[in-house]
Amino acid sequence: MLENKEFLRQKFRRERRQTSCAEKREIDEAVVQRVLNSPEYQRSNTVFLYVATAEEIDTRAILQHALQNGKCVCVPRCGAHQQMTAHRINSLDELRETGSFGILEPAKETPLVRPDEIDFIVTPALACDQTGVRLGYGGGYYDRYLAQTTAHAAVLCAEKRLIDALPCDNYDQRCDLIFTERRVLRIYEK
């Protein structure tokens, strides 16, 4: 199963890199609008969002919107033993420290937010399937984190990387919302 996942990671990374800048921008903007218009996001008080790399669906507009609308905004810090923690930020300017994967992270001193305080989580993915299984990068950070919370877990995925089925292990956590540029899939109601 692990070999199959690694093959798929390479395949979807390659496909993602081949997306033109114009197409990526269109996908990003449409996905962001779907998130911002969703009742799950609108009702949330505390949101936990990844800070996108250049190839991922860009979350900066969501982060900015949440900050401007008075939501408690948390972003991840990856630590020892493949553990991830949520840290509250008040501005995107606080994202200066580069994490272990070249991802912008807040400083260690920023306030920690517990998993049970979060209403809405946005996760990254290379691909996703129709049941909410996401293909991450292989570290298991989000799977371990999602196991600790009852928050709505959303995955952002380009429509062409939303497939029928992905390999799924016992530790894989499903997301209950999938946002693509064309639609929102609600896997189950919380």
N, C-alpha and C. Protein backbone atom coordinates (compact mmCIF):
# COMPACT_ATOMS: atom_id res chain seq x y z
N MET A 1 0.84 -1.21 0.00
CA MET A 1 0.00 0.00 0.00
C MET A 1 0.88 1.26 0.00
N LEU A 2 1.97 1.24 0.82
CA LEU A 2 2.84 2.41 0.89
C LEU A 2 3.49 2.70 -0.46
N GLU A 3 3.89 1.64 -1.17
CA GLU A 3 4.51 1.82 -2.49
C GLU A 3 3.50 2.46 -3.45
N ASN A 4 2.24 2.01 -3.38
CA ASN A 4 1.20 2.55 -4.22
C ASN A 4 0.98 4.03 -3.92
N LYS A 5 0.97 4.40 -2.64
CA LYS A 5 0.80 5.81 -2.27
C LYS A 5 1.97 6.64 -2.78
N GLU A 6 3.19 6.11 -2.66
CA GLU A 6 4.35 6.87 -3.12
C GLU A 6 4.30 7.07 -4.63
N PHE A 7 3.90 6.04 -5.36
CA PHE A 7 3.72 6.16 -6.81
C PHE A 7 2.71 7.27 -7.13
N LEU A 8 1.57 7.26 -6.40
CA LEU A 8 0.54 8.28 -6.63
C LEU A 8 1.03 9.68 -6.25
N ARG A 9 1.81 9.79 -5.19
CA ARG A 9 2.37 11.10 -4.82
C ARG A 9 3.23 11.66 -5.96
N GLN A 10 4.08 10.82 -6.51
CA GLN A 10 4.93 11.26 -7.61
C GLN A 10 4.08 11.66 -8.82
N LYS A 11 3.09 10.86 -9.12
CA LYS A 11 2.20 11.14 -10.26
C LYS A 11 1.49 12.47 -10.10
N PHE A 12 0.88 12.70 -8.93
CA PHE A 12 0.11 13.93 -8.73
C PHE A 12 1.01 15.15 -8.56
N ARG A 13 2.20 14.98 -8.02
CA ARG A 13 3.15 16.11 -7.97
C ARG A 13 3.51 16.54 -9.39
N ARG A 14 3.78 15.54 -10.23
CA ARG A 14 4.14 15.82 -11.63
C ARG A 14 2.98 16.54 -12.33
N GLU A 15 1.76 16.04 -12.16
CA GLU A 15 0.59 16.68 -12.78
C GLU A 15 0.40 18.10 -12.26
N ARG A 16 0.59 18.28 -10.96
CA ARG A 16 0.41 19.61 -10.37
C ARG A 16 1.43 20.60 -10.93
N ARG A 17 2.67 20.15 -11.09
CA ARG A 17 3.72 21.02 -11.65
C ARG A 17 3.42 21.42 -13.10
N GLN A 18 2.69 20.58 -13.83
CA GLN A 18 2.38 20.85 -15.23
C GLN A 18 1.20 21.80 -15.42
N THR A 19 0.55 22.18 -14.33
CA THR A 19 -0.57 23.12 -14.41
C THR A 19 -0.02 24.51 -14.71
N SER A 20 -0.57 25.18 -15.70
CA SER A 20 -0.10 26.52 -16.04
C SER A 20 -0.43 27.50 -14.93
N CYS A 21 0.31 28.60 -14.88
CA CYS A 21 0.07 29.63 -13.86
C CYS A 21 -1.35 30.18 -13.96
N ALA A 22 -1.83 30.40 -15.17
CA ALA A 22 -3.18 30.94 -15.36
C ALA A 22 -4.23 29.97 -14.87
N GLU A 23 -4.07 28.69 -15.20
CA GLU A 23 -5.04 27.69 -14.76
C GLU A 23 -5.00 27.54 -13.23
N LYS A 24 -3.81 27.56 -12.67
CA LYS A 24 -3.69 27.46 -11.21
C LYS A 24 -4.38 28.62 -10.53
N ARG A 25 -4.19 29.81 -11.04
CA ARG A 25 -4.81 31.01 -10.46
C ARG A 25 -6.34 30.89 -10.52
N GLU A 26 -6.88 30.43 -11.64
CA GLU A 26 -8.33 30.23 -11.77
C GLU A 26 -8.85 29.20 -10.77
N ILE A 27 -8.13 28.10 -10.63
CA ILE A 27 -8.52 27.05 -9.68
C ILE A 27 -8.49 27.62 -8.26
N ASP A 28 -7.39 28.26 -7.90
CA ASP A 28 -7.24 28.82 -6.56
C ASP A 28 -8.38 29.78 -6.23
N GLU A 29 -8.67 30.70 -7.13
CA GLU A 29 -9.71 31.70 -6.88
C GLU A 29 -11.09 31.05 -6.72
N ALA A 30 -11.41 30.07 -7.54
CA ALA A 30 -12.71 29.41 -7.46
C ALA A 30 -12.83 28.60 -6.17
N VAL A 31 -11.77 27.89 -5.81
CA VAL A 31 -11.80 27.10 -4.56
C VAL A 31 -11.96 28.03 -3.37
N VAL A 32 -11.20 29.11 -3.35
CA VAL A 32 -11.28 30.06 -2.23
C VAL A 32 -12.71 30.60 -2.09
N GLN A 33 -13.34 30.96 -3.19
CA GLN A 33 -14.71 31.48 -3.12
C GLN A 33 -15.68 30.44 -2.56
N ARG A 34 -15.49 29.18 -2.94
CA ARG A 34 -16.35 28.12 -2.41
C ARG A 34 -16.16 27.97 -0.90
N VAL A 35 -14.94 28.06 -0.44
CA VAL A 35 -14.68 27.98 1.00
C VAL A 35 -15.33 29.16 1.72
N LEU A 36 -15.07 30.38 1.23
CA LEU A 36 -15.59 31.58 1.89
C LEU A 36 -17.11 31.61 1.91
N ASN A 37 -17.76 31.03 0.91
CA ASN A 37 -19.22 31.02 0.84
C ASN A 37 -19.86 29.85 1.58
N SER A 38 -19.07 28.93 2.07
CA SER A 38 -19.63 27.75 2.72
C SER A 38 -20.15 28.09 4.12
N PRO A 39 -21.28 27.51 4.50
CA PRO A 39 -21.81 27.76 5.84
C PRO A 39 -20.87 27.24 6.93
N GLU A 40 -20.15 26.18 6.64
CA GLU A 40 -19.22 25.63 7.63
C GLU A 40 -18.14 26.65 7.99
N TYR A 41 -17.58 27.30 6.97
CA TYR A 41 -16.58 28.35 7.22
C TYR A 41 -17.23 29.56 7.88
N GLN A 42 -18.36 30.00 7.33
CA GLN A 42 -19.00 31.22 7.83
C GLN A 42 -19.40 31.10 9.30
N ARG A 43 -19.84 29.92 9.72
CA ARG A 43 -20.26 29.72 11.12
C ARG A 43 -19.08 29.52 12.07
N SER A 44 -17.91 29.26 11.54
CA SER A 44 -16.77 28.94 12.40
C SER A 44 -16.24 30.18 13.12
N ASN A 45 -15.76 29.94 14.32
CA ASN A 45 -15.10 30.99 15.11
C ASN A 45 -13.59 30.84 15.09
N THR A 46 -13.13 29.59 15.10
CA THR A 46 -11.69 29.30 15.13
C THR A 46 -11.36 28.41 13.95
N VAL A 47 -10.50 28.90 13.07
CA VAL A 47 -10.12 28.17 11.86
C VAL A 47 -8.64 27.83 11.89
N PHE A 48 -8.32 26.68 11.35
CA PHE A 48 -6.95 26.19 11.27
C PHE A 48 -6.66 25.92 9.81
N LEU A 49 -5.75 26.69 9.22
CA LEU A 49 -5.47 26.59 7.79
C LEU A 49 -3.98 26.41 7.53
N TYR A 50 -3.68 25.60 6.56
CA TYR A 50 -2.29 25.48 6.14
C TYR A 50 -1.87 26.74 5.38
N VAL A 51 -0.58 27.03 5.40
CA VAL A 51 -0.02 28.14 4.63
C VAL A 51 0.56 27.51 3.37
N ALA A 52 -0.01 27.82 2.24
CA ALA A 52 0.30 27.12 0.99
C ALA A 52 1.71 27.40 0.48
N THR A 53 2.28 26.37 -0.12
CA THR A 53 3.50 26.54 -0.90
C THR A 53 3.07 27.04 -2.29
N ALA A 54 4.02 27.34 -3.14
CA ALA A 54 3.70 27.88 -4.46
C ALA A 54 2.87 26.91 -5.30
N GLU A 55 3.02 25.61 -5.09
CA GLU A 55 2.30 24.63 -5.92
C GLU A 55 0.93 24.24 -5.36
N GLU A 56 0.70 24.49 -4.07
CA GLU A 56 -0.57 24.11 -3.45
C GLU A 56 -1.66 25.13 -3.74
N ILE A 57 -2.91 24.75 -3.51
CA ILE A 57 -4.01 25.71 -3.63
C ILE A 57 -3.78 26.78 -2.57
N ASP A 58 -3.73 28.01 -3.02
CA ASP A 58 -3.33 29.13 -2.17
C ASP A 58 -4.39 29.46 -1.12
N THR A 59 -3.97 29.48 0.13
CA THR A 59 -4.89 29.76 1.24
C THR A 59 -4.77 31.18 1.77
N ARG A 60 -3.90 31.98 1.22
CA ARG A 60 -3.67 33.32 1.79
C ARG A 60 -4.94 34.18 1.80
N ALA A 61 -5.75 34.08 0.76
CA ALA A 61 -6.99 34.88 0.73
C ALA A 61 -7.96 34.43 1.82
N ILE A 62 -8.00 33.15 2.11
CA ILE A 62 -8.85 32.65 3.19
C ILE A 62 -8.30 33.13 4.52
N LEU A 63 -7.00 33.00 4.71
CA LEU A 63 -6.37 33.48 5.94
C LEU A 63 -6.67 34.96 6.16
N GLN A 64 -6.49 35.75 5.12
CA GLN A 64 -6.72 37.20 5.21
C GLN A 64 -8.18 37.50 5.53
N HIS A 65 -9.09 36.83 4.87
CA HIS A 65 -10.53 37.03 5.10
C HIS A 65 -10.88 36.70 6.55
N ALA A 66 -10.37 35.57 7.04
CA ALA A 66 -10.66 35.16 8.41
C ALA A 66 -10.13 36.18 9.41
N LEU A 67 -8.92 36.67 9.18
CA LEU A 67 -8.34 37.68 10.07
C LEU A 67 -9.17 38.96 10.05
N GLN A 68 -9.57 39.41 8.88
CA GLN A 68 -10.34 40.65 8.75
C GLN A 68 -11.74 40.52 9.33
N ASN A 69 -12.25 39.29 9.44
CA ASN A 69 -13.60 39.09 9.94
C ASN A 69 -13.64 38.61 11.38
N GLY A 70 -12.55 38.79 12.10
CA GLY A 70 -12.54 38.54 13.53
C GLY A 70 -12.51 37.09 13.96
N LYS A 71 -12.17 36.19 13.07
CA LYS A 71 -12.05 34.79 13.47
C LYS A 71 -10.70 34.58 14.16
N CYS A 72 -10.66 33.60 15.04
CA CYS A 72 -9.39 33.17 15.60
C CYS A 72 -8.72 32.33 14.52
N VAL A 73 -7.55 32.75 14.06
CA VAL A 73 -6.88 32.09 12.94
C VAL A 73 -5.63 31.37 13.44
N CYS A 74 -5.57 30.08 13.14
CA CYS A 74 -4.43 29.25 13.54
C CYS A 74 -3.76 28.68 12.31
N VAL A 75 -2.46 28.55 12.39
CA VAL A 75 -1.68 27.91 11.33
C VAL A 75 -0.76 26.88 11.98
N PRO A 76 -0.34 25.89 11.21
CA PRO A 76 0.45 24.80 11.79
C PRO A 76 1.93 25.13 11.99
N ARG A 77 2.47 24.46 13.02
CA ARG A 77 3.91 24.33 13.23
C ARG A 77 4.17 22.84 13.32
N CYS A 78 5.14 22.37 12.54
CA CYS A 78 5.50 20.95 12.58
C CYS A 78 6.68 20.79 13.53
N GLY A 79 6.53 19.85 14.44
CA GLY A 79 7.57 19.66 15.46
C GLY A 79 8.16 18.27 15.44
N ALA A 80 8.76 17.93 16.56
CA ALA A 80 9.43 16.64 16.72
C ALA A 80 8.40 15.51 16.70
N HIS A 81 8.85 14.33 16.34
CA HIS A 81 8.03 13.12 16.34
C HIS A 81 6.80 13.26 15.44
N GLN A 82 6.95 14.01 14.37
CA GLN A 82 5.88 14.20 13.37
C GLN A 82 4.59 14.70 14.01
N GLN A 83 4.74 15.59 14.98
CA GLN A 83 3.58 16.21 15.63
C GLN A 83 3.39 17.62 15.09
N MET A 84 2.14 17.99 14.95
CA MET A 84 1.79 19.32 14.45
C MET A 84 0.95 20.01 15.52
N THR A 85 1.20 21.30 15.69
CA THR A 85 0.42 22.10 16.64
C THR A 85 -0.17 23.30 15.91
N ALA A 86 -1.27 23.81 16.45
CA ALA A 86 -1.95 24.98 15.87
C ALA A 86 -1.57 26.21 16.69
N HIS A 87 -1.15 27.27 15.99
CA HIS A 87 -0.73 28.50 16.66
C HIS A 87 -1.54 29.66 16.12
N ARG A 88 -2.02 30.48 17.03
CA ARG A 88 -2.84 31.64 16.65
C ARG A 88 -1.96 32.74 16.10
N ILE A 89 -2.42 33.33 14.99
CA ILE A 89 -1.75 34.50 14.43
C ILE A 89 -2.77 35.63 14.32
N ASN A 90 -2.26 36.84 14.32
CA ASN A 90 -3.11 38.03 14.16
C ASN A 90 -2.85 38.74 12.84
N SER A 91 -1.82 38.28 12.12
CA SER A 91 -1.43 38.90 10.86
C SER A 91 -0.59 37.90 10.07
N LEU A 92 -0.67 38.00 8.76
CA LEU A 92 0.19 37.16 7.91
C LEU A 92 1.65 37.56 8.05
N ASP A 93 1.89 38.76 8.54
CA ASP A 93 3.27 39.21 8.76
C ASP A 93 3.98 38.39 9.83
N GLU A 94 3.23 37.65 10.64
CA GLU A 94 3.84 36.82 11.67
C GLU A 94 4.43 35.53 11.10
N LEU A 95 4.22 35.28 9.83
CA LEU A 95 4.69 34.05 9.18
C LEU A 95 6.06 34.27 8.57
N ARG A 96 7.05 34.42 9.42
CA ARG A 96 8.41 34.71 8.93
C ARG A 96 9.35 33.54 9.03
N GLU A 97 9.09 32.70 9.96
CA GLU A 97 10.00 31.59 10.23
C GLU A 97 9.71 30.46 9.25
N THR A 98 10.73 29.97 8.58
CA THR A 98 10.54 28.87 7.64
C THR A 98 10.65 27.57 8.39
N GLY A 99 9.66 26.72 8.22
CA GLY A 99 9.61 25.44 8.90
C GLY A 99 10.52 24.41 8.26
N SER A 100 10.46 23.21 8.79
CA SER A 100 11.36 22.14 8.35
C SER A 100 11.10 21.69 6.91
N PHE A 101 9.95 22.04 6.35
CA PHE A 101 9.64 21.63 4.98
C PHE A 101 9.63 22.83 4.02
N GLY A 102 10.22 23.94 4.44
CA GLY A 102 10.22 25.14 3.61
C GLY A 102 8.87 25.84 3.61
N ILE A 103 8.06 25.58 4.63
CA ILE A 103 6.74 26.17 4.75
C ILE A 103 6.80 27.30 5.77
N LEU A 104 6.14 28.41 5.46
CA LEU A 104 6.10 29.49 6.42
C LEU A 104 5.32 29.06 7.66
N GLU A 105 5.89 29.35 8.81
CA GLU A 105 5.26 29.01 10.08
C GLU A 105 5.37 30.20 11.02
N PRO A 106 4.51 30.23 12.04
CA PRO A 106 4.65 31.28 13.05
C PRO A 106 5.80 30.91 14.00
N ALA A 107 6.26 31.89 14.76
CA ALA A 107 7.30 31.63 15.75
C ALA A 107 6.76 30.70 16.84
N LYS A 108 7.67 30.02 17.53
CA LYS A 108 7.29 29.10 18.60
C LYS A 108 6.49 29.80 19.69
N GLU A 109 6.75 31.08 19.88
CA GLU A 109 6.14 31.83 20.98
C GLU A 109 4.68 32.21 20.73
N THR A 110 4.19 32.06 19.52
CA THR A 110 2.79 32.43 19.26
C THR A 110 1.88 31.51 20.06
N PRO A 111 0.71 32.02 20.47
CA PRO A 111 -0.19 31.23 21.33
C PRO A 111 -0.64 29.92 20.69
N LEU A 112 -0.61 28.89 21.50
CA LEU A 112 -1.06 27.57 21.09
C LEU A 112 -2.58 27.49 21.21
N VAL A 113 -3.22 26.83 20.25
CA VAL A 113 -4.67 26.61 20.29
C VAL A 113 -4.89 25.10 20.31
N ARG A 114 -5.68 24.63 21.24
CA ARG A 114 -5.94 23.20 21.38
C ARG A 114 -6.85 22.70 20.25
N PRO A 115 -6.70 21.43 19.87
CA PRO A 115 -7.55 20.87 18.81
C PRO A 115 -9.04 20.98 19.10
N ASP A 116 -9.45 20.86 20.36
CA ASP A 116 -10.87 20.92 20.70
C ASP A 116 -11.45 22.33 20.64
N GLU A 117 -10.60 23.34 20.43
CA GLU A 117 -11.06 24.73 20.31
C GLU A 117 -11.33 25.12 18.85
N ILE A 118 -10.99 24.25 17.93
CA ILE A 118 -11.07 24.58 16.50
C ILE A 118 -12.39 24.09 15.91
N ASP A 119 -13.02 24.94 15.08
CA ASP A 119 -14.28 24.60 14.42
C ASP A 119 -14.10 24.08 12.99
N PHE A 120 -13.07 24.58 12.31
CA PHE A 120 -12.94 24.37 10.86
C PHE A 120 -11.47 24.25 10.52
N ILE A 121 -11.11 23.14 9.87
CA ILE A 121 -9.71 22.88 9.50
C ILE A 121 -9.63 22.73 7.99
N VAL A 122 -8.65 23.39 7.39
CA VAL A 122 -8.40 23.26 5.96
C VAL A 122 -7.07 22.55 5.79
N THR A 123 -7.12 21.42 5.11
CA THR A 123 -5.93 20.58 4.94
C THR A 123 -5.43 20.61 3.50
N PRO A 124 -4.13 20.45 3.32
CA PRO A 124 -3.59 20.34 1.96
C PRO A 124 -3.68 18.90 1.46
N ALA A 125 -3.55 18.73 0.16
CA ALA A 125 -3.54 17.38 -0.41
C ALA A 125 -2.98 17.41 -1.82
N LEU A 126 -2.35 16.33 -2.19
CA LEU A 126 -1.93 16.14 -3.58
C LEU A 126 -3.12 15.68 -4.41
N ALA A 127 -4.00 14.91 -3.77
CA ALA A 127 -5.22 14.40 -4.42
C ALA A 127 -6.19 14.01 -3.33
N CYS A 128 -7.42 13.75 -3.73
CA CYS A 128 -8.46 13.36 -2.79
C CYS A 128 -9.42 12.43 -3.52
N ASP A 129 -10.12 11.60 -2.73
CA ASP A 129 -11.12 10.76 -3.39
C ASP A 129 -12.53 11.15 -2.94
N GLN A 130 -13.51 10.54 -3.56
CA GLN A 130 -14.91 10.89 -3.35
C GLN A 130 -15.41 10.61 -1.93
N THR A 131 -14.64 9.86 -1.15
CA THR A 131 -15.05 9.53 0.22
C THR A 131 -14.36 10.40 1.27
N GLY A 132 -13.55 11.35 0.83
CA GLY A 132 -12.87 12.24 1.78
C GLY A 132 -11.48 11.79 2.17
N VAL A 133 -10.99 10.71 1.57
CA VAL A 133 -9.61 10.28 1.82
C VAL A 133 -8.70 11.21 1.03
N ARG A 134 -7.70 11.77 1.71
CA ARG A 134 -6.76 12.67 1.05
C ARG A 134 -5.40 12.00 0.93
N LEU A 135 -4.73 12.32 -0.15
CA LEU A 135 -3.36 11.85 -0.34
C LEU A 135 -2.46 13.02 0.04
N GLY A 136 -1.86 12.92 1.22
CA GLY A 136 -0.96 13.97 1.69
C GLY A 136 0.45 13.71 1.21
N TYR A 137 1.40 14.22 1.98
CA TYR A 137 2.79 14.14 1.58
C TYR A 137 3.55 13.00 2.25
N GLY A 138 2.86 12.24 3.09
CA GLY A 138 3.46 11.04 3.66
C GLY A 138 3.95 11.15 5.08
N GLY A 139 3.88 12.32 5.68
CA GLY A 139 4.36 12.47 7.05
C GLY A 139 3.33 12.12 8.11
N GLY A 140 2.06 12.11 7.75
CA GLY A 140 1.01 11.78 8.70
C GLY A 140 0.65 12.88 9.67
N TYR A 141 1.19 14.08 9.48
CA TYR A 141 0.93 15.20 10.41
C TYR A 141 -0.56 15.49 10.54
N TYR A 142 -1.24 15.63 9.42
CA TYR A 142 -2.66 15.98 9.47
C TYR A 142 -3.51 14.82 9.97
N ASP A 143 -3.16 13.59 9.62
CA ASP A 143 -3.92 12.44 10.12
C ASP A 143 -3.86 12.39 11.65
N ARG A 144 -2.69 12.59 12.22
CA ARG A 144 -2.56 12.58 13.68
C ARG A 144 -3.34 13.74 14.30
N TYR A 145 -3.31 14.90 13.64
CA TYR A 145 -4.00 16.07 14.19
C TYR A 145 -5.52 15.90 14.10
N LEU A 146 -6.00 15.46 12.95
CA LEU A 146 -7.44 15.30 12.76
C LEU A 146 -8.04 14.28 13.73
N ALA A 147 -7.25 13.31 14.14
CA ALA A 147 -7.73 12.31 15.09
C ALA A 147 -8.03 12.92 16.47
N GLN A 148 -7.54 14.14 16.71
CA GLN A 148 -7.72 14.79 18.01
C GLN A 148 -8.87 15.80 18.04
N THR A 149 -9.60 15.97 16.96
CA THR A 149 -10.58 17.04 16.90
C THR A 149 -11.89 16.57 16.26
N THR A 150 -12.97 17.28 16.58
CA THR A 150 -14.25 17.02 15.94
C THR A 150 -14.61 18.15 14.97
N ALA A 151 -13.66 19.02 14.69
CA ALA A 151 -13.90 20.14 13.77
C ALA A 151 -14.24 19.64 12.38
N HIS A 152 -14.95 20.47 11.61
CA HIS A 152 -15.14 20.16 10.19
C HIS A 152 -13.76 20.16 9.55
N ALA A 153 -13.44 19.07 8.88
CA ALA A 153 -12.15 18.94 8.20
C ALA A 153 -12.40 19.04 6.71
N ALA A 154 -11.78 20.03 6.09
CA ALA A 154 -11.96 20.27 4.67
C ALA A 154 -10.64 20.04 3.94
N VAL A 155 -10.75 19.56 2.72
CA VAL A 155 -9.59 19.40 1.87
C VAL A 155 -9.81 20.23 0.62
N LEU A 156 -8.76 20.92 0.19
CA LEU A 156 -8.80 21.71 -1.05
C LEU A 156 -8.12 20.88 -2.13
N CYS A 157 -8.83 20.67 -3.24
CA CYS A 157 -8.34 19.76 -4.27
C CYS A 157 -8.81 20.23 -5.63
N ALA A 158 -7.89 20.30 -6.58
CA ALA A 158 -8.30 20.60 -7.95
C ALA A 158 -9.17 19.46 -8.46
N GLU A 159 -10.19 19.81 -9.21
CA GLU A 159 -11.16 18.82 -9.71
C GLU A 159 -10.47 17.66 -10.43
N LYS A 160 -9.43 17.95 -11.21
CA LYS A 160 -8.78 16.87 -11.96
C LYS A 160 -7.97 15.93 -11.08
N ARG A 161 -7.78 16.30 -9.81
CA ARG A 161 -7.09 15.41 -8.86
C ARG A 161 -8.06 14.84 -7.82
N LEU A 162 -9.35 14.99 -8.08
CA LEU A 162 -10.39 14.35 -7.27
C LEU A 162 -10.75 13.06 -8.00
N ILE A 163 -10.37 11.93 -7.41
CA ILE A 163 -10.53 10.65 -8.10
C ILE A 163 -11.52 9.76 -7.35
N ASP A 164 -11.86 8.63 -7.96
CA ASP A 164 -12.85 7.73 -7.38
C ASP A 164 -12.39 7.13 -6.06
N ALA A 165 -11.16 6.62 -6.01
CA ALA A 165 -10.70 5.95 -4.79
C ALA A 165 -9.19 6.07 -4.65
N LEU A 166 -8.76 6.24 -3.41
CA LEU A 166 -7.33 6.26 -3.06
C LEU A 166 -7.07 5.14 -2.06
N PRO A 167 -5.84 4.66 -2.00
CA PRO A 167 -5.51 3.68 -0.96
C PRO A 167 -5.73 4.33 0.41
N CYS A 168 -6.23 3.56 1.36
CA CYS A 168 -6.55 4.09 2.69
C CYS A 168 -6.07 3.11 3.75
N ASP A 169 -5.27 3.61 4.69
CA ASP A 169 -4.80 2.81 5.81
C ASP A 169 -5.66 3.11 7.04
N ASN A 170 -5.51 2.30 8.08
CA ASN A 170 -6.29 2.47 9.30
C ASN A 170 -6.11 3.84 9.94
N TYR A 171 -4.91 4.41 9.84
CA TYR A 171 -4.62 5.69 10.48
C TYR A 171 -5.05 6.90 9.64
N ASP A 172 -5.43 6.69 8.39
CA ASP A 172 -5.85 7.81 7.53
C ASP A 172 -7.18 8.38 8.03
N GLN A 173 -7.22 9.69 8.20
CA GLN A 173 -8.43 10.38 8.64
C GLN A 173 -9.13 10.98 7.43
N ARG A 174 -10.40 10.74 7.32
CA ARG A 174 -11.18 11.29 6.21
C ARG A 174 -11.58 12.73 6.51
N CYS A 175 -11.65 13.52 5.45
CA CYS A 175 -12.19 14.87 5.57
C CYS A 175 -13.68 14.81 5.24
N ASP A 176 -14.46 15.68 5.87
CA ASP A 176 -15.90 15.63 5.62
C ASP A 176 -16.35 16.67 4.61
N LEU A 177 -15.43 17.50 4.13
CA LEU A 177 -15.74 18.48 3.08
C LEU A 177 -14.64 18.47 2.04
N ILE A 178 -15.03 18.51 0.79
CA ILE A 178 -14.05 18.61 -0.31
C ILE A 178 -14.42 19.83 -1.13
N PHE A 179 -13.48 20.75 -1.27
CA PHE A 179 -13.69 21.95 -2.07
C PHE A 179 -12.84 21.84 -3.33
N THR A 180 -13.50 21.88 -4.49
CA THR A 180 -12.79 21.97 -5.77
C THR A 180 -13.22 23.27 -6.43
N GLU A 181 -12.68 23.54 -7.59
CA GLU A 181 -13.07 24.75 -8.31
C GLU A 181 -14.49 24.65 -8.86
N ARG A 182 -15.04 23.43 -8.94
CA ARG A 182 -16.37 23.25 -9.52
C ARG A 182 -17.48 22.96 -8.52
N ARG A 183 -17.10 22.44 -7.33
CA ARG A 183 -18.15 21.99 -6.41
C ARG A 183 -17.64 21.84 -4.98
N VAL A 184 -18.61 21.61 -4.09
CA VAL A 184 -18.33 21.27 -2.70
C VAL A 184 -18.99 19.92 -2.45
N LEU A 185 -18.22 18.98 -1.97
CA LEU A 185 -18.77 17.67 -1.60
C LEU A 185 -18.81 17.60 -0.08
N ARG A 186 -20.00 17.31 0.45
CA ARG A 186 -20.15 17.12 1.89
C ARG A 186 -20.28 15.61 2.11
N ILE A 187 -19.28 15.03 2.69
CA ILE A 187 -19.21 13.58 2.84
C ILE A 187 -20.21 13.10 3.88
N TYR A 188 -20.31 13.79 4.99
CA TYR A 188 -21.31 13.48 6.01
C TYR A 188 -21.50 14.73 6.86
N GLU A 189 -22.61 14.79 7.51
CA GLU A 189 -22.94 15.96 8.34
C GLU A 189 -22.42 15.74 9.75
N LYS A 190 -21.85 16.79 10.31
CA LYS A 190 -21.39 16.73 11.70
C LYS A 190 -22.42 17.38 12.58
